[in-house]
Amino acid sequence: PTVDGELQIRGGEFAIAGLPGVISDVNADITADENELQIKRGVAKFAGGSVLLIARFPINGGKFGIAEAALIGRQLRFSPAEGTSATVDADLTITMNSQASGGPQARLPHISGDVTLTSAEYTRPFVLDLSVLRGAAQRTVVESYDPTQDSVVLGPDLNVRATGPIKIHNNLVDVQLGIDARGVQVSGTNQRYGLRGALSALPGRRRPLYANAFDIRRASIRFDD
């Protein structure tokens, strides 16, 4: 087919499976010809913040080439589970080669860039079951992994940084964590992902635990996968 023309979207709204909310107030300018489809500028509201998208999709012989997109998000607020919340800024690059060789994963969208936590808080209570220390070890149940359910590839240059502390406040601990200046690198897919980097605990006070209280003087968490 021959493609040629322009499309404008004003005040649109989209719901996409897997996203934690609708994309609203969509305004976009799209152009297309026999060589390329472009989203010259797309802006929208999402997750309580704003997003900006600029993208290009080369067309060669009726097939898409390597698509490239720049996605900028500001003050996006997420609460993936009760007692967890985060506000983030994102400066991402998304590439996709639908004709790539090397298996289905090679043809998925690849996401790289920087995600900055402007605030993050964890208030879910911890439950300690010390009974496992007495008696036989429990069997570990591992969920099966179906690679056909992967929808995006994360990294290799996807980094998470923070402008302030990550706050953990619940029945067990009251502590603030800081991300190493180099950030935490994310890799893998939406189903199976790994982290590389370190978090350091800022001085804080642990709440009473079994009639004892503890002061945190130094602590760190290192991710190696």
Protein backbone atom coordinates (compact mmCIF):
# COMPACT_ATOMS: atom_id res chain seq x y z
CA PRO A 1 0.00 0.00 0.00
CA THR A 2 0.99 3.62 -0.57
CA VAL A 3 1.03 5.82 2.52
CA ASP A 4 0.97 9.60 2.27
CA GLY A 5 -0.66 12.25 4.43
CA GLU A 6 -1.04 13.82 7.85
CA LEU A 7 -3.00 12.94 10.95
CA GLN A 8 -3.80 15.13 13.93
CA ILE A 9 -5.10 13.88 17.26
CA ARG A 10 -6.64 16.37 19.65
CA GLY A 11 -7.95 15.51 23.10
CA GLY A 12 -7.64 11.77 22.56
CA GLU A 13 -7.69 9.05 25.19
CA PHE A 14 -6.21 5.56 25.02
CA ALA A 15 -6.27 2.53 27.32
CA ILE A 16 -3.44 0.04 26.77
CA ALA A 17 -3.34 -3.37 28.43
CA GLY A 18 -0.59 -3.55 31.04
CA LEU A 19 -0.41 0.17 31.74
CA PRO A 20 -1.51 1.40 35.19
CA GLY A 21 -4.02 3.91 33.87
CA VAL A 22 -5.29 5.61 30.74
CA ILE A 23 -3.36 8.01 28.53
CA SER A 24 -5.51 11.13 28.30
CA ASP A 25 -5.49 14.60 26.75
CA VAL A 26 -3.54 13.20 23.81
CA ASN A 27 -2.44 15.75 21.21
CA ALA A 28 -0.25 14.50 18.39
CA ASP A 29 0.89 15.49 14.90
CA ILE A 30 1.67 12.53 12.64
CA THR A 31 2.97 12.57 9.08
CA ALA A 32 3.63 9.70 6.69
CA ASP A 33 4.96 9.11 3.20
CA GLU A 34 6.35 6.14 1.29
CA ASN A 35 9.66 6.34 3.20
CA GLU A 36 8.77 7.18 6.78
CA LEU A 37 6.08 7.63 9.40
CA GLN A 38 6.78 10.31 12.00
CA ILE A 39 5.21 11.37 15.26
CA LYS A 40 6.55 14.89 15.14
CA ARG A 41 5.21 15.75 18.55
CA GLY A 42 2.89 13.89 20.86
CA VAL A 43 1.94 15.13 24.33
CA ALA A 44 -0.41 13.58 26.87
CA LYS A 45 -1.31 13.17 30.51
CA PHE A 46 -0.42 9.90 32.21
CA ALA A 47 -0.12 8.66 35.80
CA GLY A 48 -0.75 12.13 37.18
CA GLY A 49 2.07 13.67 35.13
CA SER A 50 2.91 14.57 31.55
CA VAL A 51 4.62 12.76 28.68
CA LEU A 52 6.19 13.89 25.42
CA LEU A 53 6.84 11.49 22.52
CA ILE A 54 8.79 12.04 19.31
CA ALA A 55 9.22 9.02 17.03
CA ARG A 56 10.15 7.89 13.52
CA PHE A 57 9.36 4.64 11.73
CA PRO A 58 11.31 4.14 8.47
CA ILE A 59 9.43 2.29 5.72
CA ASN A 60 11.28 0.20 3.16
CA GLY A 61 9.49 -1.97 0.64
CA GLY A 62 6.27 -1.79 2.60
CA LYS A 63 7.95 -2.94 5.82
CA PHE A 64 9.00 -0.97 8.87
CA GLY A 65 12.70 -0.55 9.50
CA ILE A 66 14.32 0.24 12.86
CA ALA A 67 11.91 2.46 14.75
CA GLU A 68 13.28 5.05 17.17
CA ALA A 69 11.42 7.10 19.77
CA ALA A 70 12.29 9.60 22.48
CA LEU A 71 9.95 9.53 25.48
CA ILE A 72 10.09 12.17 28.20
CA GLY A 73 7.94 11.86 31.31
CA ARG A 74 7.66 14.27 34.20
CA GLN A 75 6.18 13.75 37.67
CA LEU A 76 4.68 10.36 36.91
CA ARG A 77 3.18 8.85 40.05
CA PHE A 78 2.91 5.09 40.51
CA SER A 79 1.57 2.88 43.30
CA PRO A 80 2.09 -0.71 42.11
CA ALA A 81 0.86 -2.20 45.39
CA GLU A 82 -0.69 -1.05 48.63
CA GLY A 83 1.93 0.68 50.77
CA THR A 84 4.31 1.43 47.89
CA SER A 85 4.49 4.66 45.93
CA ALA A 86 6.96 6.53 43.74
CA THR A 87 7.14 9.66 41.64
CA VAL A 88 9.54 9.56 38.70
CA ASP A 89 10.92 11.57 35.82
CA ALA A 90 11.96 9.60 32.75
CA ASP A 91 14.17 10.37 29.73
CA LEU A 92 14.01 7.25 27.61
CA THR A 93 14.99 6.03 24.18
CA ILE A 94 12.94 3.23 22.63
CA THR A 95 14.11 1.26 19.59
CA MET A 96 12.44 -1.64 17.79
CA ASN A 97 13.50 -3.68 14.81
CA SER A 98 10.57 -5.85 13.74
CA GLN A 99 12.77 -7.54 11.11
CA ALA A 100 15.65 -8.41 13.47
CA SER A 101 17.09 -11.93 13.48
CA GLY A 102 18.03 -13.75 16.68
CA GLY A 103 14.65 -14.81 18.01
CA PRO A 104 11.45 -13.10 19.17
CA GLN A 105 13.17 -11.10 21.94
CA ALA A 106 15.36 -9.32 19.39
CA ARG A 107 12.21 -7.94 17.75
CA LEU A 108 10.76 -6.49 20.96
CA PRO A 109 11.01 -2.80 21.91
CA HIS A 110 14.30 -2.05 23.69
CA ILE A 111 14.25 0.66 26.37
CA SER A 112 17.31 2.62 27.50
CA GLY A 113 17.91 5.97 29.18
CA ASP A 114 17.44 7.42 32.66
CA VAL A 115 14.70 7.13 35.26
CA THR A 116 14.94 9.54 38.20
CA LEU A 117 13.08 8.90 41.43
CA THR A 118 11.96 12.23 42.82
CA SER A 119 10.22 10.51 45.74
CA ALA A 120 9.69 6.92 46.85
CA GLU A 121 8.08 5.41 49.93
CA TYR A 122 7.44 1.90 51.25
CA THR A 123 5.06 1.49 54.19
CA ARG A 124 3.89 -2.11 53.87
CA PRO A 125 4.42 -4.06 57.10
CA PHE A 126 7.03 -6.80 57.26
CA VAL A 127 5.96 -10.18 58.59
CA LEU A 128 8.71 -12.25 60.22
CA ASP A 129 8.00 -15.95 60.64
CA LEU A 130 10.77 -17.19 62.90
CA SER A 131 9.21 -20.64 63.04
CA VAL A 132 11.10 -21.50 59.85
CA LEU A 133 14.26 -21.50 61.94
CA ARG A 134 12.91 -24.49 63.82
CA GLY A 135 12.43 -27.69 61.89
CA ALA A 136 12.94 -28.72 58.27
CA ALA A 137 13.51 -26.28 55.46
CA GLN A 138 10.51 -25.38 53.34
CA ARG A 139 10.31 -26.29 49.67
CA THR A 140 10.89 -23.39 47.31
CA VAL A 141 8.25 -22.91 44.63
CA VAL A 142 9.52 -21.27 41.43
CA GLU A 143 7.01 -19.79 39.00
CA SER A 144 7.41 -20.86 35.39
CA TYR A 145 8.74 -18.37 32.87
CA ASP A 146 7.11 -18.06 29.48
CA PRO A 147 9.29 -15.97 27.14
CA THR A 148 6.34 -15.45 24.79
CA GLN A 149 4.86 -13.17 27.47
CA ASP A 150 7.80 -10.75 27.31
CA SER A 151 6.72 -7.40 25.89
CA VAL A 152 9.82 -5.18 26.29
CA VAL A 153 13.57 -5.56 26.75
CA LEU A 154 15.12 -3.37 29.45
CA GLY A 155 18.62 -1.99 28.93
CA PRO A 156 21.44 -2.47 28.53
CA ASP A 157 21.75 1.26 29.26
CA LEU A 158 18.74 1.83 31.52
CA ASN A 159 19.70 3.53 34.79
CA VAL A 160 17.71 4.50 37.87
CA ARG A 161 18.84 7.45 39.98
CA ALA A 162 17.25 9.45 42.80
CA THR A 163 17.15 13.10 43.78
CA GLY A 164 16.14 12.25 47.36
CA PRO A 165 16.04 9.33 49.78
CA ILE A 166 13.91 6.24 49.40
CA LYS A 167 11.84 6.08 52.60
CA ILE A 168 10.93 2.82 54.31
CA HIS A 169 8.62 3.26 57.26
CA ASN A 170 6.63 0.40 58.78
CA ASN A 171 6.24 -1.83 61.83
CA LEU A 172 9.84 -3.05 61.63
CA VAL A 173 12.08 -0.29 60.37
CA ASP A 174 12.29 3.45 59.86
CA VAL A 175 15.12 4.11 57.45
CA GLN A 176 16.05 6.15 54.39
CA LEU A 177 18.06 4.70 51.51
CA GLY A 178 20.17 6.58 49.01
CA ILE A 179 21.09 5.32 45.54
CA ASP A 180 24.77 5.31 44.61
CA ALA A 181 25.71 8.30 42.42
CA ARG A 182 26.35 5.93 39.50
CA GLY A 183 22.74 4.76 39.70
CA VAL A 184 21.24 1.29 39.55
CA GLN A 185 21.36 -0.40 36.15
CA VAL A 186 18.28 -2.33 35.05
CA SER A 187 18.38 -5.15 32.50
CA GLY A 188 16.23 -8.07 31.39
CA THR A 189 12.57 -8.00 30.35
CA ASN A 190 9.27 -6.95 31.88
CA GLN A 191 8.95 -10.50 33.34
CA ARG A 192 12.52 -11.22 34.40
CA TYR A 193 14.74 -8.31 35.26
CA GLY A 194 17.99 -7.80 37.10
CA LEU A 195 19.65 -4.90 38.93
CA ARG A 196 23.26 -3.80 39.28
CA GLY A 197 24.22 -1.09 41.74
CA ALA A 198 24.07 -0.20 45.40
CA LEU A 199 21.82 1.45 47.97
CA SER A 200 23.19 2.91 51.21
CA ALA A 201 21.18 3.44 54.38
CA LEU A 202 21.23 6.89 55.91
CA PRO A 203 21.37 6.94 59.74
CA GLY A 204 18.01 5.98 61.21
CA ARG A 205 16.39 4.19 64.09
CA ARG A 206 14.85 0.76 63.95
CA ARG A 207 11.58 0.38 65.77
CA PRO A 208 11.25 -2.03 68.70
CA LEU A 209 11.58 -5.64 67.57
CA TYR A 210 10.72 -8.36 70.04
CA ALA A 211 11.33 -6.00 73.00
CA ASN A 212 14.58 -4.69 71.48
CA ALA A 213 15.45 -1.51 69.59
CA PHE A 214 18.32 -1.02 67.17
CA ASP A 215 20.16 1.97 65.79
CA ILE A 216 21.27 1.71 62.14
CA ARG A 217 24.77 3.15 61.84
CA ARG A 218 25.86 1.71 58.53
CA ALA A 219 24.15 -0.52 56.00
CA SER A 220 24.20 -1.12 52.28
CA ILE A 221 22.37 -3.23 49.73
CA ARG A 222 24.24 -4.34 46.61
CA PHE A 223 22.60 -5.77 43.51
CA ASP A 224 24.75 -7.96 41.27
CA ASP A 225 22.21 -9.38 38.82
